[in-house]
Protein backbone atom coordinates (compact mmCIF):
# COMPACT_ATOMS: atom_id res chain seq x y z
CA LEU A 1 0.40 -13.15 8.47
CA TYR A 2 -1.78 -15.51 10.46
CA PRO A 3 -1.55 -18.86 8.64
CA ASP A 4 -3.93 -20.72 10.95
CA LEU A 5 -6.60 -18.08 10.36
CA ALA A 6 -5.77 -17.44 6.67
CA ARG A 7 -5.63 -13.77 7.62
CA VAL A 8 -3.27 -10.93 6.75
CA THR A 9 -3.02 -7.53 8.40
CA LEU A 10 -0.84 -4.56 7.56
CA ASN A 11 -0.71 -1.31 9.51
CA GLY A 12 -3.54 -2.63 11.67
CA LYS A 13 -5.85 -3.22 8.71
CA GLU A 14 -6.95 -6.56 7.36
CA ILE A 15 -6.19 -7.33 3.73
CA ARG A 16 -8.74 -9.65 2.18
CA LEU A 17 -7.05 -12.20 -0.07
CA THR A 18 -8.16 -15.13 -2.16
CA SER A 19 -6.78 -18.50 -1.11
CA HIS A 20 -4.23 -18.45 -3.94
CA GLU A 21 -3.12 -14.91 -3.11
CA PHE A 22 -2.73 -15.92 0.54
CA ASP A 23 -0.69 -18.99 -0.41
CA ILE A 24 1.63 -16.96 -2.65
CA LEU A 25 2.16 -14.37 0.08
CA ARG A 26 2.75 -17.05 2.75
CA ILE A 27 5.34 -18.84 0.60
CA MET A 28 7.17 -15.62 -0.19
CA MET A 29 7.12 -14.41 3.43
CA LEU A 30 8.69 -17.65 4.64
CA SER A 31 11.82 -16.84 2.59
CA PRO A 32 11.73 -13.06 2.15
CA GLN A 33 15.09 -12.65 0.42
CA ARG A 34 14.60 -15.56 -1.99
CA VAL A 35 13.66 -14.82 -5.57
CA PHE A 36 10.78 -17.06 -6.62
CA SER A 37 10.27 -17.91 -10.26
CA LYS A 38 6.75 -17.95 -11.68
CA GLU A 39 7.22 -21.68 -12.17
CA ALA A 40 8.15 -22.29 -8.53
CA LEU A 41 5.19 -20.27 -7.23
CA TYR A 42 2.77 -21.92 -9.62
CA GLU A 43 3.86 -25.43 -8.70
CA ALA A 44 3.79 -24.65 -4.95
CA VAL A 45 0.34 -23.05 -4.99
CA TRP A 46 -1.54 -24.95 -7.68
CA LYS A 47 0.23 -28.27 -6.98
CA ASN A 48 0.69 -29.23 -10.61
CA GLY A 49 3.15 -28.73 -13.43
CA TYR A 50 3.87 -25.36 -14.96
CA TYR A 51 3.47 -25.31 -18.72
CA GLY A 52 5.20 -22.11 -19.74
CA GLU A 53 3.71 -18.72 -20.51
CA ASP A 54 0.69 -18.97 -18.24
CA ASN A 55 -0.16 -15.50 -16.90
CA THR A 56 -1.80 -16.85 -13.73
CA VAL A 57 1.01 -15.99 -11.31
CA ASN A 58 1.46 -12.50 -12.78
CA VAL A 59 -2.25 -11.76 -12.31
CA HIS A 60 -2.19 -12.94 -8.69
CA ILE A 61 0.98 -10.94 -7.93
CA SER A 62 -0.63 -7.86 -9.49
CA ASN A 63 -3.74 -8.34 -7.36
CA LEU A 64 -1.61 -8.74 -4.22
CA ARG A 65 0.26 -5.53 -5.00
CA LYS A 66 -3.01 -3.60 -5.49
CA LYS A 67 -4.48 -4.89 -2.24
CA ILE A 68 -1.31 -4.07 -0.30
CA ALA A 69 -1.19 -0.59 -1.90
CA GLU A 70 -4.64 0.15 -0.46
CA VAL A 71 -3.09 -0.08 3.02
CA SER A 72 0.54 0.98 2.55
CA LYS A 73 2.73 2.98 0.20
CA GLU A 74 5.59 0.52 0.74
CA GLU A 75 6.35 -1.79 -2.16
CA TYR A 76 6.50 -5.21 -0.54
CA ILE A 77 6.76 -7.34 -3.67
CA SER A 78 9.40 -6.56 -6.24
CA THR A 79 10.02 -8.01 -9.65
CA VAL A 80 13.48 -9.35 -10.38
CA TRP A 81 13.44 -9.06 -14.15
CA GLY A 82 14.01 -12.29 -16.00
CA ILE A 83 13.90 -14.33 -12.78
CA GLY A 84 10.73 -13.79 -10.72
CA PHE A 85 9.50 -12.09 -7.56
CA ARG A 86 10.86 -11.31 -4.09
CA MET A 87 9.42 -9.96 -0.83
CA ASN A 88 10.87 -6.74 0.51
CA LEU A 89 10.67 -7.15 4.28
C-alpha cells in the first residue's frame, strides 16, 4: 500500500481501486487484526453518519475482494459474522 501515491500492489501487480475502496483498504491495513463494523468504516470513509442498513460498505468490500482475487488466491478480507470485517495479514 502506497498511501502517498494512492496505489496498491500485490504479488508485483497493481490493483486499481476507487478512492473509497482505497480508503477502506488503508484503514483496515493500519489495524489488521481489528474487526471493523460497517458503521465504523462508513463513518471513516464517507465522513458522515451511518443510518443503518445501507449496503454501501458491503458493495465496496465485495469489489475489493474481487479485485484482490484477480491477483491472488489468498483471502485477505474476512467477514466476522454479526460484527464486520477484518484484514488477514
